[in-house]
Every structure is written in C-alpha cells, then in structure tokens.
Amino acid sequence: MKPLPSRVGAVVFDCDGLLLDTEACWSRAEAKLFAGYGFPFGPEQKDLLIGRTLEAACSNMADYFGRPGHGAQLQVELVPLVEAELVQGVQPMPGAVDLVQALAGSVPLAVATNSPRTMLDVALGSAGLAPYLAVSVAADEVRTPKPHPELYLTAFELLGVSPNAGVALEDSSTGVAAARAAGAYLITVPSQPGKQLDGDFVTTTLADPEIVRWARDLSRKHPGS
C-alpha cells in the first residue's frame, strides 16, 4: 500500500456502502424483488448490482431473471421498495461521521455516487451529513456514470481541484474503476466482506486508526481552510 498523502486538495466520497449503510436498504429491497420473481438473494446476486447505476442494476436483474429487455419495468418495481427502506432511516458506516467532521473545514469535501439525485438527497439528509459536503454529484446528473470517471472528474472540477491532488474513497469494484480512471489517490473500504479490491490504501473500516490519524493531521495543517 502507498502512504496516505500528506497534502490533499480535496476529498470525494462514494455514498452507498462507503459513507452510509444504504446498501443494507438496497439489499433488503432487492431481496424482496428477487423473491417476488422466485429467486434467492445472496452475495452472488448482490455482485450483479452493487456499485452500479439503477438502470444497469435493473438490466442485470432482468437478464438474471431470464427477462432481457425488462430492466425498465424492474426499475419501476424496485424504486418504491428502496425508497420505503430509506425513509425508515439510514445509518452512517462505522467511522464515517467522525471522518467527515474531522476533514470538514480542512479540505473541500464532496460525494460522487451512482445513485439518482432523489435517493442521494434522502440518504444524506437522513444521516445528517449534507451540511459537511460542499458538492454532491449523482448518476442522473452526468452523461456516463461509474465505472466511467465522469462523476469523479465533475466533483473535483466543482471543488476547483485537480483529481491528481485529491483523494477518492470507494467500496465497490465499479467505483474503484471510476476513481482509478480519474487519477485520484484511492482509499478502498470494501463493503462486501472478503471482497478483494484495488486501492492505494485498503482497509476494512473508515474507523481505521491510520485514517483517523491522517484526517487529524490534515486538520492541524489546514485549520479552518
């Protein structure tokens, strides 16, 4: 692994499964949809969906169900199931709130996610993280979402920082590919247990003591910036 960077122009987070435990909400909704079509739902099925846009995930589901071309219909069925889970409340991932609060005021922060804007706003609002994020970019606000780097490139551009001077945090293979293509230093925290993913710094939690120390060091170097 590479050392965590001592100079950082901006930090861009993924949302689902990285900052917030929305993946649990998505998984419960997806399991209900799979069951409705007579299929089990486990790690193999989740791997078809995690980190992807809503459209791509539903297209993969349609193929899996033996209903190619029916992704749009599955999307109509899935969205209300997910929204019903989200409005019940979204929990931050371990260490997420402390990390965001430690970095806030030291470096510009953003979120770049493959979720649509409506779901992103509900999730961030529910978790109380929105005030700390100067920028947020959703999948339906770019032409090409992850694994293409456009979401990250857009977020860094809106923050006024080159991706090469920034840090991206991800939890899925789709997001990792996007962050890598953007050229940012990559912190990876896989949301699927046992999943091996690429990263400059790979850990199991945002509460990793090295990440905590890194954030505090940045805060001391750039207080109130």
Protein backbone atom coordinates (compact mmCIF):
# COMPACT_ATOMS: atom_id res chain seq x y z
CA MET A 1 0.00 0.00 0.00
CA LYS A 2 1.04 3.60 -0.55
CA PRO A 3 1.30 6.00 2.40
CA LEU A 4 -1.71 8.24 2.90
CA PRO A 5 -0.97 11.61 1.24
CA SER A 6 0.19 14.44 3.48
CA ARG A 7 -1.07 17.10 1.06
CA VAL A 8 -4.65 16.87 -0.16
CA GLY A 9 -6.56 19.34 -2.31
CA ALA A 10 -9.99 17.75 -1.86
CA VAL A 11 -11.69 14.53 -0.80
CA VAL A 12 -14.53 12.90 -2.74
CA PHE A 13 -16.54 10.10 -1.14
CA ASP A 14 -18.74 7.47 -2.67
CA CYS A 15 -22.02 7.28 -0.75
CA ASP A 16 -23.75 3.89 -0.75
CA GLY A 17 -21.84 1.34 1.29
CA LEU A 18 -18.96 3.74 1.94
CA LEU A 19 -20.32 6.73 3.85
CA LEU A 20 -23.79 5.38 4.54
CA ASP A 21 -25.20 1.92 5.10
CA THR A 22 -27.70 2.43 2.31
CA GLU A 23 -26.55 -0.89 0.87
CA ALA A 24 -28.50 -2.57 3.65
CA CYS A 25 -31.61 -0.70 2.49
CA TRP A 26 -30.93 -1.58 -1.14
CA SER A 27 -30.23 -5.21 -0.27
CA ARG A 28 -33.50 -5.60 1.63
CA ALA A 29 -35.41 -4.08 -1.29
CA GLU A 30 -33.52 -6.16 -3.85
CA ALA A 31 -34.11 -9.35 -1.84
CA LYS A 32 -37.85 -8.63 -1.88
CA LEU A 33 -37.80 -8.15 -5.64
CA PHE A 34 -35.75 -11.31 -6.22
CA ALA A 35 -38.12 -13.29 -4.00
CA GLY A 36 -41.09 -11.93 -5.92
CA TYR A 37 -39.61 -13.46 -9.07
CA GLY A 38 -38.80 -16.73 -7.33
CA PHE A 39 -35.05 -16.28 -6.93
CA PRO A 40 -32.77 -16.37 -3.86
CA PHE A 41 -30.65 -13.36 -3.00
CA GLY A 42 -27.10 -13.67 -1.72
CA PRO A 43 -23.54 -12.47 -2.40
CA GLU A 44 -23.53 -13.77 -5.98
CA GLN A 45 -26.69 -11.88 -6.83
CA LYS A 46 -25.58 -8.76 -4.95
CA ASP A 47 -22.39 -8.70 -7.02
CA LEU A 48 -24.53 -8.12 -10.12
CA LEU A 49 -25.92 -4.92 -8.60
CA ILE A 50 -23.51 -3.28 -6.17
CA GLY A 51 -21.93 -0.01 -7.26
CA ARG A 52 -23.94 0.14 -10.48
CA THR A 53 -26.46 2.70 -11.62
CA LEU A 54 -30.12 1.89 -11.05
CA GLU A 55 -30.53 1.29 -14.79
CA ALA A 56 -27.53 -1.03 -15.04
CA ALA A 57 -28.51 -2.96 -11.93
CA CYS A 58 -32.05 -3.49 -13.19
CA SER A 59 -30.76 -4.54 -16.59
CA ASN A 60 -28.56 -7.14 -14.91
CA MET A 61 -31.54 -8.32 -12.86
CA ALA A 62 -33.66 -8.66 -15.97
CA ASP A 63 -31.02 -10.84 -17.59
CA TYR A 64 -30.68 -12.90 -14.41
CA PHE A 65 -34.45 -13.41 -14.24
CA GLY A 66 -34.47 -14.55 -17.85
CA ARG A 67 -36.33 -11.41 -18.88
CA PRO A 68 -33.82 -9.49 -21.02
CA GLY A 69 -35.05 -6.05 -22.02
CA HIS A 70 -37.35 -5.76 -18.97
CA GLY A 71 -34.96 -3.64 -16.89
CA ALA A 72 -37.19 -0.56 -17.04
CA GLN A 73 -40.12 -2.50 -15.58
CA LEU A 74 -37.94 -3.89 -12.79
CA GLN A 75 -36.78 -0.35 -12.05
CA VAL A 76 -40.39 0.75 -11.62
CA GLU A 77 -40.87 -2.08 -9.13
CA LEU A 78 -37.58 -1.61 -7.26
CA VAL A 79 -37.58 2.17 -6.70
CA PRO A 80 -40.54 2.30 -4.28
CA LEU A 81 -39.13 -0.68 -2.37
CA VAL A 82 -35.81 1.14 -1.90
CA GLU A 83 -37.44 4.46 -1.02
CA ALA A 84 -39.58 2.75 1.61
CA GLU A 85 -36.41 1.40 3.23
CA LEU A 86 -34.53 4.72 3.02
CA VAL A 87 -37.24 6.77 4.70
CA GLN A 88 -37.03 4.45 7.72
CA GLY A 89 -33.59 5.97 8.35
CA VAL A 90 -30.06 5.47 7.09
CA GLN A 91 -27.17 4.70 9.39
CA PRO A 92 -23.66 6.03 8.70
CA MET A 93 -20.97 3.42 8.19
CA PRO A 94 -18.61 2.99 11.17
CA GLY A 95 -16.22 5.92 11.37
CA ALA A 96 -17.96 7.89 8.60
CA VAL A 97 -19.31 10.77 10.68
CA ASP A 98 -16.07 11.23 12.64
CA LEU A 99 -14.02 11.18 9.43
CA VAL A 100 -16.21 13.70 7.63
CA GLN A 101 -16.28 16.00 10.64
CA ALA A 102 -12.51 15.77 11.07
CA LEU A 103 -11.90 16.69 7.42
CA ALA A 104 -14.60 19.36 7.18
CA GLY A 105 -13.09 22.82 7.29
CA SER A 106 -9.66 21.45 6.39
CA VAL A 107 -10.21 20.29 2.82
CA PRO A 108 -13.19 20.61 0.46
CA LEU A 109 -15.46 17.56 0.57
CA ALA A 110 -17.83 16.05 -1.99
CA VAL A 111 -19.90 12.97 -2.74
CA ALA A 112 -20.00 11.26 -6.15
CA THR A 113 -22.50 8.43 -6.42
CA ASN A 114 -24.19 6.13 -8.88
CA SER A 115 -27.47 6.70 -7.05
CA PRO A 116 -30.03 9.11 -8.53
CA ARG A 117 -30.35 12.60 -7.01
CA THR A 118 -33.64 11.94 -5.22
CA MET A 119 -32.25 8.94 -3.34
CA LEU A 120 -28.97 10.70 -2.58
CA ASP A 121 -30.74 13.67 -1.00
CA VAL A 122 -32.92 11.40 1.15
CA ALA A 123 -29.91 9.40 2.31
CA LEU A 124 -27.65 12.35 3.13
CA GLY A 125 -30.47 14.23 4.80
CA SER A 126 -31.43 11.25 6.92
CA ALA A 127 -27.84 10.76 8.10
CA GLY A 128 -27.20 14.49 8.73
CA LEU A 129 -24.07 14.63 6.55
CA ALA A 130 -25.27 17.05 3.88
CA PRO A 131 -24.03 20.23 5.68
CA TYR A 132 -20.43 19.00 5.58
CA LEU A 133 -20.34 18.39 1.83
CA ALA A 134 -19.66 21.36 -0.45
CA VAL A 135 -20.59 19.37 -3.56
CA SER A 136 -22.61 16.29 -4.41
CA VAL A 137 -22.96 14.71 -7.85
CA ALA A 138 -25.50 11.99 -8.68
CA ALA A 139 -25.65 9.50 -11.53
CA ASP A 140 -28.54 11.23 -13.30
CA GLU A 141 -26.53 14.47 -13.46
CA VAL A 142 -23.74 13.16 -15.71
CA ARG A 143 -23.70 11.54 -19.12
CA THR A 144 -21.67 8.49 -18.12
CA PRO A 145 -21.71 7.25 -14.50
CA LYS A 146 -19.29 4.84 -12.82
CA PRO A 147 -17.22 2.88 -13.86
CA HIS A 148 -16.55 5.89 -16.14
CA PRO A 149 -14.64 8.61 -14.24
CA GLU A 150 -17.07 11.45 -15.12
CA LEU A 151 -18.67 11.56 -11.66
CA TYR A 152 -15.29 11.99 -10.01
CA LEU A 153 -13.98 14.40 -12.63
CA THR A 154 -17.12 16.52 -12.21
CA ALA A 155 -16.91 16.53 -8.41
CA PHE A 156 -13.25 17.55 -8.37
CA GLU A 157 -13.89 20.20 -11.03
CA LEU A 158 -16.73 21.70 -8.97
CA LEU A 159 -14.41 21.78 -5.98
CA GLY A 160 -11.76 23.51 -8.09
CA VAL A 161 -9.14 20.81 -7.54
CA SER A 162 -7.29 18.50 -9.92
CA PRO A 163 -8.07 14.82 -9.28
CA ASN A 164 -4.31 14.19 -9.09
CA ALA A 165 -4.25 16.37 -5.98
CA GLY A 166 -7.31 14.70 -4.47
CA VAL A 167 -8.41 11.58 -2.62
CA ALA A 168 -11.31 9.31 -3.56
CA LEU A 169 -12.91 6.80 -1.22
CA GLU A 170 -14.71 3.76 -2.60
CA ASP A 171 -16.22 0.41 -1.61
CA SER A 172 -17.07 -1.38 -4.90
CA SER A 173 -15.24 -2.58 -7.99
CA THR A 174 -17.31 -0.22 -10.15
CA GLY A 175 -16.36 2.77 -8.03
CA VAL A 176 -12.73 1.71 -7.80
CA ALA A 177 -12.52 1.64 -11.61
CA ALA A 178 -14.01 5.15 -11.79
CA ALA A 179 -11.69 6.61 -9.16
CA ARG A 180 -8.65 4.97 -10.74
CA ALA A 181 -9.56 6.36 -14.16
CA ALA A 182 -9.97 9.83 -12.66
CA GLY A 183 -6.41 9.70 -11.30
CA ALA A 184 -7.09 10.35 -7.62
CA TYR A 185 -5.34 8.68 -4.70
CA LEU A 186 -7.68 5.83 -3.77
CA ILE A 187 -8.75 4.68 -0.31
CA THR A 188 -10.78 1.48 -0.61
CA VAL A 189 -13.08 0.06 2.06
CA PRO A 190 -14.84 -2.98 0.53
CA SER A 191 -18.48 -3.16 1.62
CA GLN A 192 -18.75 -6.86 0.75
CA PRO A 193 -16.92 -8.98 3.36
CA GLY A 194 -13.96 -10.80 1.86
CA LYS A 195 -14.10 -8.87 -1.41
CA GLN A 196 -10.62 -8.14 -2.77
CA LEU A 197 -10.43 -4.69 -4.36
CA ASP A 198 -7.67 -2.45 -5.67
CA GLY A 199 -6.61 0.66 -3.81
CA ASP A 200 -3.63 2.76 -2.73
CA PHE A 201 -4.76 2.22 0.86
CA VAL A 202 -7.13 -0.69 1.53
CA THR A 203 -8.83 -1.22 4.88
CA THR A 204 -11.94 -2.73 6.39
CA THR A 205 -13.34 0.40 8.02
CA LEU A 206 -13.30 4.19 7.87
CA ALA A 207 -12.52 3.99 11.60
CA ASP A 208 -9.07 2.56 10.77
CA PRO A 209 -6.62 4.28 13.19
CA GLU A 210 -4.33 5.24 10.29
CA ILE A 211 -7.18 7.04 8.52
CA VAL A 212 -8.21 8.74 11.76
CA ARG A 213 -4.64 10.00 12.32
CA TRP A 214 -4.39 11.10 8.69
CA ALA A 215 -7.58 13.17 8.95
CA ARG A 216 -6.46 14.77 12.21
CA ASP A 217 -3.06 15.62 10.71
CA LEU A 218 -4.74 17.29 7.73
CA SER A 219 -6.97 19.23 10.11
CA ARG A 220 -3.97 20.50 12.07
CA LYS A 221 -2.16 21.51 8.86
CA HIS A 222 -5.15 23.32 7.38
CA PRO A 223 -7.35 24.52 10.27
CA GLY A 224 -10.45 26.34 9.11
CA SER A 225 -9.39 26.40 5.46
